Amino acid sequence: MKFMNNEQKADSEALDRVETESFGSICIEIAKERNSQDRKFPQNGKNTLAEWMLILSEEVGEAAKEACDTHFHPTPPEEVRTRILWRKLRYELIQVAAVTIVIIEWIDKKIG
């Protein structure tokens, strides 16, 4: 039996998660959103970390608004409205993830 240290165990668990169909399809959606953002806002390397964090904060704010709407304002027919609001929240969270990836890529370029 091979013993794994904590880092190896975490890597193994992460790979198990990546291999799930749901995780993979979510990652594809995030990649598509990243491509869409690149087309709308070509990365010219001029944004600072502070500017990227402002962009991320704006996206998080939009996601928070959708979460509040989903939780506090369900109106009849509740099931249909709630489903629509969940989809809006999900879309905003995909955008949050995509912007987060941009920031990570930006940092990786800075640190080489």
Protein backbone atom coordinates (compact mmCIF):
# COMPACT_ATOMS: atom_id res chain seq x y z
CA MET A 1 0.00 0.00 0.00
CA LYS A 2 1.41 3.37 -1.02
CA PHE A 3 1.23 6.13 1.54
CA MET A 4 0.51 9.67 0.36
CA ASN A 5 1.40 12.88 2.06
CA ASN A 6 -1.31 15.53 2.49
CA GLU A 7 -0.37 17.35 -0.73
CA GLN A 8 -0.46 14.14 -2.77
CA LYS A 9 -3.80 13.21 -1.23
CA ALA A 10 -5.21 16.66 -2.06
CA ASP A 11 -3.93 16.34 -5.65
CA SER A 12 -5.55 12.92 -5.96
CA GLU A 13 -8.87 14.20 -4.60
CA ALA A 14 -8.72 17.18 -6.97
CA LEU A 15 -8.19 14.87 -9.95
CA ASP A 16 -11.15 12.75 -8.86
CA ARG A 17 -13.30 15.91 -8.82
CA VAL A 18 -12.05 17.08 -12.24
CA GLU A 19 -13.07 13.78 -13.75
CA THR A 20 -16.74 14.21 -12.84
CA GLU A 21 -19.02 15.15 -15.72
CA SER A 22 -20.59 18.06 -13.85
CA PHE A 23 -17.25 19.66 -12.95
CA GLY A 24 -15.99 19.27 -16.50
CA SER A 25 -19.06 20.88 -18.04
CA ILE A 26 -18.84 23.79 -15.59
CA CYS A 27 -15.18 24.32 -16.50
CA ILE A 28 -16.15 24.39 -20.19
CA GLU A 29 -18.77 27.06 -19.45
CA ILE A 30 -16.18 29.12 -17.58
CA ALA A 31 -13.73 28.77 -20.49
CA LYS A 32 -16.43 29.90 -22.93
CA GLU A 33 -17.16 32.93 -20.73
CA ARG A 34 -13.43 33.73 -20.63
CA ASN A 35 -13.35 33.67 -24.44
CA SER A 36 -16.42 35.91 -24.57
CA GLN A 37 -14.79 38.36 -22.16
CA ASP A 38 -11.59 38.38 -24.23
CA ARG A 39 -13.60 39.28 -27.33
CA LYS A 40 -15.46 42.07 -25.51
CA PHE A 41 -12.49 43.35 -23.52
CA PRO A 42 -9.22 42.40 -25.20
CA GLN A 43 -6.52 42.00 -22.60
CA ASN A 44 -3.94 44.56 -23.44
CA GLY A 45 -2.03 44.14 -20.20
CA LYS A 46 -2.91 47.64 -19.04
CA ASN A 47 -5.26 46.68 -16.21
CA THR A 48 -3.75 46.82 -12.76
CA LEU A 49 -4.50 44.36 -10.00
CA ALA A 50 -6.72 46.99 -8.37
CA GLU A 51 -8.69 47.37 -11.61
CA TRP A 52 -9.11 43.60 -11.93
CA MET A 53 -10.29 43.43 -8.33
CA LEU A 54 -12.85 46.17 -9.04
CA ILE A 55 -14.12 44.18 -12.02
CA LEU A 56 -14.32 41.06 -9.86
CA SER A 57 -16.13 42.98 -7.12
CA GLU A 58 -18.69 44.21 -9.62
CA GLU A 59 -19.32 40.63 -10.78
CA VAL A 60 -19.60 39.40 -7.18
CA GLY A 61 -22.07 42.23 -6.51
CA GLU A 62 -24.22 41.11 -9.43
CA ALA A 63 -24.15 37.52 -8.15
CA ALA A 64 -25.08 38.73 -4.64
CA LYS A 65 -28.04 40.67 -6.06
CA GLU A 66 -29.29 37.56 -7.86
CA ALA A 67 -28.86 35.49 -4.69
CA CYS A 68 -30.90 38.03 -2.72
CA ASP A 69 -33.59 38.11 -5.40
CA THR A 70 -33.75 34.31 -5.38
CA HIS A 71 -33.98 34.13 -1.61
CA PHE A 72 -36.11 37.11 -0.69
CA HIS A 73 -38.39 37.74 -3.65
CA PRO A 74 -39.95 34.49 -4.81
CA THR A 75 -43.32 35.38 -6.29
CA PRO A 76 -46.00 33.13 -7.76
CA PRO A 77 -45.63 31.00 -9.68
CA GLU A 78 -42.79 30.42 -7.24
CA GLU A 79 -41.28 27.35 -8.88
CA VAL A 80 -40.94 28.97 -12.32
CA ARG A 81 -39.63 32.28 -10.99
CA THR A 82 -37.19 30.56 -8.66
CA ARG A 83 -35.82 28.45 -11.53
CA ILE A 84 -35.24 31.60 -13.61
CA LEU A 85 -33.54 33.34 -10.69
CA TRP A 86 -31.31 30.33 -10.00
CA ARG A 87 -30.22 30.37 -13.65
CA LYS A 88 -29.39 34.09 -13.42
CA LEU A 89 -27.39 33.50 -10.24
CA ARG A 90 -25.57 30.59 -11.85
CA TYR A 91 -24.66 32.74 -14.87
CA GLU A 92 -23.31 35.49 -12.63
CA LEU A 93 -21.21 32.94 -10.74
CA ILE A 94 -19.77 31.68 -14.04
CA GLN A 95 -18.73 35.28 -14.73
CA VAL A 96 -17.17 35.56 -11.26
CA ALA A 97 -15.17 32.39 -11.94
CA ALA A 98 -14.04 33.64 -15.35
CA VAL A 99 -12.83 36.97 -13.97
CA THR A 100 -11.10 35.15 -11.12
CA ILE A 101 -9.20 33.10 -13.69
CA VAL A 102 -8.17 36.28 -15.51
CA ILE A 103 -6.73 37.60 -12.26
CA ILE A 104 -4.87 34.38 -11.57
CA GLU A 105 -3.45 34.42 -15.11
CA TRP A 106 -2.45 38.07 -14.62
CA ILE A 107 -0.64 37.18 -11.37
CA ASP A 108 1.06 34.19 -13.01
CA LYS A 109 2.43 36.48 -15.74
CA LYS A 110 3.75 38.87 -13.11
CA ILE A 111 5.55 36.18 -11.10
CA GLY A 112 6.76 34.29 -14.16
